[in-house]
Amino acid sequence: MPVEIARLDDNGRLYLPASIRKKLRSKEFYIEERNGEIILVPIRKKIEKYWGIFKGEDLTAEEIDKIVEEETEKLLRDEL
């Protein structure tokens, strides 16, 4: 895997190389700091595990919204 370089501007914005942006196809990331390293995790990947969770269920839109809200809160508590 070729090494790419990302740069910070004077305002602290991080610019990712186009080749990496195209592979990730995400514009929002969770940012984790581990042992002095920065880990970017595409948000899309974090929520993909919930895709199809309600398939075959007989739930109202309100019930689905409530479940999604509860699961999102759990995810954020675990991640932050």
N, C-alpha and C. Protein backbone atom coordinates (compact mmCIF):
# COMPACT_ATOMS: atom_id res chain seq x y z
N MET A 1 0.84 -1.18 0.00
CA MET A 1 0.00 0.00 0.00
C MET A 1 0.89 1.24 0.00
N PRO A 2 0.68 2.13 -0.97
CA PRO A 2 1.51 3.34 -1.01
C PRO A 2 1.19 4.27 0.16
N VAL A 3 2.17 4.97 0.62
CA VAL A 3 2.01 5.92 1.73
C VAL A 3 1.55 7.26 1.15
N GLU A 4 0.55 7.85 1.78
CA GLU A 4 0.03 9.16 1.38
C GLU A 4 0.31 10.14 2.51
N ILE A 5 0.37 11.41 2.18
CA ILE A 5 0.61 12.44 3.17
C ILE A 5 -0.61 13.35 3.24
N ALA A 6 -1.09 13.58 4.46
CA ALA A 6 -2.18 14.53 4.69
C ALA A 6 -1.59 15.74 5.39
N ARG A 7 -2.13 16.91 5.12
CA ARG A 7 -1.59 18.13 5.70
C ARG A 7 -2.66 18.90 6.46
N LEU A 8 -2.23 19.58 7.51
CA LEU A 8 -3.10 20.49 8.25
C LEU A 8 -2.85 21.91 7.74
N ASP A 9 -3.93 22.69 7.59
CA ASP A 9 -3.73 24.09 7.24
C ASP A 9 -3.61 24.91 8.52
N ASP A 10 -3.49 26.22 8.38
CA ASP A 10 -3.30 27.10 9.55
C ASP A 10 -4.50 27.10 10.50
N ASN A 11 -5.67 26.68 10.00
CA ASN A 11 -6.88 26.61 10.83
C ASN A 11 -7.10 25.23 11.43
N GLY A 12 -6.17 24.31 11.21
CA GLY A 12 -6.29 22.98 11.77
C GLY A 12 -7.09 22.01 10.93
N ARG A 13 -7.45 22.40 9.72
CA ARG A 13 -8.20 21.50 8.85
C ARG A 13 -7.25 20.48 8.23
N LEU A 14 -7.70 19.24 8.19
CA LEU A 14 -6.91 18.15 7.64
C LEU A 14 -7.39 17.86 6.22
N TYR A 15 -6.46 17.84 5.30
CA TYR A 15 -6.78 17.55 3.91
C TYR A 15 -6.31 16.15 3.56
N LEU A 16 -7.27 15.28 3.22
CA LEU A 16 -6.94 13.91 2.84
C LEU A 16 -6.71 13.85 1.34
N PRO A 17 -5.73 13.07 0.89
CA PRO A 17 -5.50 12.92 -0.55
C PRO A 17 -6.73 12.37 -1.26
N ALA A 18 -6.93 12.79 -2.51
CA ALA A 18 -8.10 12.37 -3.29
C ALA A 18 -8.19 10.86 -3.41
N SER A 19 -7.06 10.18 -3.53
CA SER A 19 -7.09 8.73 -3.68
C SER A 19 -7.71 8.06 -2.46
N ILE A 20 -7.48 8.59 -1.29
CA ILE A 20 -8.05 8.03 -0.06
C ILE A 20 -9.53 8.40 0.05
N ARG A 21 -9.86 9.66 -0.28
CA ARG A 21 -11.27 10.08 -0.22
C ARG A 21 -12.13 9.23 -1.14
N LYS A 22 -11.64 8.91 -2.32
CA LYS A 22 -12.41 8.09 -3.27
C LYS A 22 -12.65 6.69 -2.73
N LYS A 23 -11.67 6.13 -2.05
CA LYS A 23 -11.82 4.78 -1.50
C LYS A 23 -12.81 4.76 -0.35
N LEU A 24 -12.78 5.77 0.51
CA LEU A 24 -13.61 5.79 1.71
C LEU A 24 -15.05 6.20 1.42
N ARG A 25 -15.27 7.06 0.43
CA ARG A 25 -16.60 7.56 0.06
C ARG A 25 -17.38 8.05 1.26
N SER A 26 -16.74 8.76 2.15
CA SER A 26 -17.40 9.31 3.33
C SER A 26 -16.86 10.71 3.59
N LYS A 27 -17.71 11.58 4.09
CA LYS A 27 -17.28 12.94 4.40
C LYS A 27 -17.31 13.23 5.89
N GLU A 28 -17.79 12.27 6.68
CA GLU A 28 -17.83 12.45 8.13
C GLU A 28 -17.15 11.26 8.79
N PHE A 29 -16.37 11.58 9.84
CA PHE A 29 -15.59 10.55 10.50
C PHE A 29 -15.66 10.72 12.01
N TYR A 30 -15.61 9.60 12.71
CA TYR A 30 -15.32 9.64 14.13
C TYR A 30 -13.82 9.80 14.24
N ILE A 31 -13.36 10.59 15.18
CA ILE A 31 -11.92 10.79 15.37
C ILE A 31 -11.54 10.18 16.71
N GLU A 32 -10.58 9.26 16.66
CA GLU A 32 -10.10 8.63 17.88
C GLU A 32 -8.61 8.92 18.02
N GLU A 33 -8.18 9.10 19.24
CA GLU A 33 -6.75 9.25 19.51
C GLU A 33 -6.34 8.02 20.31
N ARG A 34 -5.36 7.30 19.77
CA ARG A 34 -4.86 6.10 20.44
C ARG A 34 -3.34 6.15 20.48
N ASN A 35 -2.83 6.23 21.69
CA ASN A 35 -1.37 6.19 21.87
C ASN A 35 -0.64 7.18 20.98
N GLY A 36 -1.16 8.40 20.89
CA GLY A 36 -0.50 9.44 20.11
C GLY A 36 -0.77 9.36 18.61
N GLU A 37 -1.65 8.47 18.18
CA GLU A 37 -2.00 8.37 16.77
C GLU A 37 -3.46 8.78 16.58
N ILE A 38 -3.79 9.30 15.42
CA ILE A 38 -5.15 9.71 15.11
C ILE A 38 -5.77 8.64 14.21
N ILE A 39 -6.94 8.17 14.59
CA ILE A 39 -7.67 7.18 13.81
C ILE A 39 -8.95 7.83 13.31
N LEU A 40 -9.18 7.80 12.00
CA LEU A 40 -10.41 8.31 11.40
C LEU A 40 -11.26 7.11 11.00
N VAL A 41 -12.50 7.05 11.49
CA VAL A 41 -13.41 5.96 11.17
C VAL A 41 -14.62 6.55 10.46
N PRO A 42 -14.86 6.17 9.21
CA PRO A 42 -16.02 6.72 8.50
C PRO A 42 -17.30 6.42 9.26
N ILE A 43 -18.14 7.43 9.45
CA ILE A 43 -19.39 7.26 10.18
C ILE A 43 -20.29 6.26 9.46
N ARG A 44 -20.27 6.28 8.17
CA ARG A 44 -21.10 5.36 7.38
C ARG A 44 -20.86 3.92 7.81
N LYS A 45 -19.62 3.54 8.04
CA LYS A 45 -19.31 2.17 8.43
C LYS A 45 -19.85 1.83 9.81
N LYS A 46 -19.88 2.80 10.71
CA LYS A 46 -20.38 2.56 12.05
C LYS A 46 -21.87 2.23 12.04
N ILE A 47 -22.65 2.86 11.14
CA ILE A 47 -24.09 2.63 11.14
C ILE A 47 -24.50 1.51 10.19
N GLU A 48 -23.62 1.02 9.35
CA GLU A 48 -23.98 -0.03 8.41
C GLU A 48 -24.44 -1.30 9.12
N LYS A 49 -23.94 -1.54 10.34
CA LYS A 49 -24.32 -2.77 11.04
C LYS A 49 -25.81 -2.79 11.36
N TYR A 50 -26.48 -1.63 11.29
CA TYR A 50 -27.91 -1.57 11.57
C TYR A 50 -28.76 -1.72 10.30
N TRP A 51 -28.12 -1.80 9.13
CA TRP A 51 -28.85 -1.89 7.87
C TRP A 51 -29.69 -3.16 7.85
N GLY A 52 -30.95 -3.05 7.55
CA GLY A 52 -31.84 -4.20 7.45
C GLY A 52 -32.33 -4.75 8.77
N ILE A 53 -32.06 -4.06 9.86
CA ILE A 53 -32.41 -4.55 11.19
C ILE A 53 -33.92 -4.73 11.35
N PHE A 54 -34.73 -3.95 10.63
CA PHE A 54 -36.17 -4.00 10.80
C PHE A 54 -36.86 -4.81 9.70
N LYS A 55 -36.10 -5.46 8.86
CA LYS A 55 -36.67 -6.23 7.75
C LYS A 55 -37.60 -7.32 8.32
N GLY A 56 -38.81 -7.37 7.82
CA GLY A 56 -39.75 -8.38 8.27
C GLY A 56 -40.48 -8.03 9.55
N GLU A 57 -40.12 -6.91 10.18
CA GLU A 57 -40.78 -6.49 11.41
C GLU A 57 -42.03 -5.69 11.07
N ASP A 58 -43.04 -5.80 11.90
CA ASP A 58 -44.27 -5.04 11.71
C ASP A 58 -44.26 -3.87 12.69
N LEU A 59 -43.48 -2.84 12.37
CA LEU A 59 -43.33 -1.68 13.25
C LEU A 59 -43.83 -0.43 12.57
N THR A 60 -44.32 0.51 13.35
CA THR A 60 -44.72 1.81 12.82
C THR A 60 -43.47 2.67 12.64
N ALA A 61 -43.61 3.74 11.89
CA ALA A 61 -42.49 4.67 11.68
C ALA A 61 -42.02 5.23 13.02
N GLU A 62 -42.96 5.52 13.90
CA GLU A 62 -42.61 6.08 15.20
C GLU A 62 -41.81 5.07 16.04
N GLU A 63 -42.19 3.80 15.99
CA GLU A 63 -41.46 2.76 16.72
C GLU A 63 -40.04 2.60 16.18
N ILE A 64 -39.92 2.65 14.86
CA ILE A 64 -38.59 2.55 14.25
C ILE A 64 -37.74 3.73 14.66
N ASP A 65 -38.32 4.95 14.61
CA ASP A 65 -37.58 6.15 15.01
C ASP A 65 -37.09 6.03 16.46
N LYS A 66 -37.94 5.53 17.34
CA LYS A 66 -37.56 5.40 18.75
C LYS A 66 -36.42 4.40 18.92
N ILE A 67 -36.49 3.28 18.23
CA ILE A 67 -35.43 2.27 18.32
C ILE A 67 -34.12 2.82 17.78
N VAL A 68 -34.18 3.50 16.64
CA VAL A 68 -32.98 4.09 16.04
C VAL A 68 -32.37 5.12 16.98
N GLU A 69 -33.21 5.95 17.58
CA GLU A 69 -32.73 6.97 18.53
C GLU A 69 -32.03 6.31 19.73
N GLU A 70 -32.64 5.27 20.28
CA GLU A 70 -32.05 4.57 21.44
C GLU A 70 -30.72 3.92 21.07
N GLU A 71 -30.66 3.28 19.90
CA GLU A 71 -29.43 2.62 19.48
C GLU A 71 -28.34 3.64 19.17
N THR A 72 -28.72 4.78 18.62
CA THR A 72 -27.74 5.84 18.33
C THR A 72 -27.15 6.37 19.62
N GLU A 73 -28.00 6.58 20.62
CA GLU A 73 -27.51 7.05 21.92
C GLU A 73 -26.53 6.05 22.53
N LYS A 74 -26.85 4.75 22.44
CA LYS A 74 -25.95 3.71 22.95
C LYS A 74 -24.61 3.76 22.22
N LEU A 75 -24.69 3.87 20.89
CA LEU A 75 -23.46 3.91 20.08
C LEU A 75 -22.60 5.10 20.45
N LEU A 76 -23.22 6.27 20.58
CA LEU A 76 -22.46 7.47 20.93
C LEU A 76 -21.86 7.39 22.33
N ARG A 77 -22.60 6.81 23.27
CA ARG A 77 -22.06 6.65 24.63
C ARG A 77 -20.84 5.73 24.60
N ASP A 78 -20.90 4.66 23.81
CA ASP A 78 -19.79 3.72 23.71
C ASP A 78 -18.59 4.32 22.98
N GLU A 79 -18.86 5.20 22.03
CA GLU A 79 -17.79 5.74 21.18
C GLU A 79 -17.13 6.95 21.75
N LEU A 80 -17.84 7.76 22.54
CA LEU A 80 -17.27 9.02 23.01
C LEU A 80 -16.70 8.90 24.40
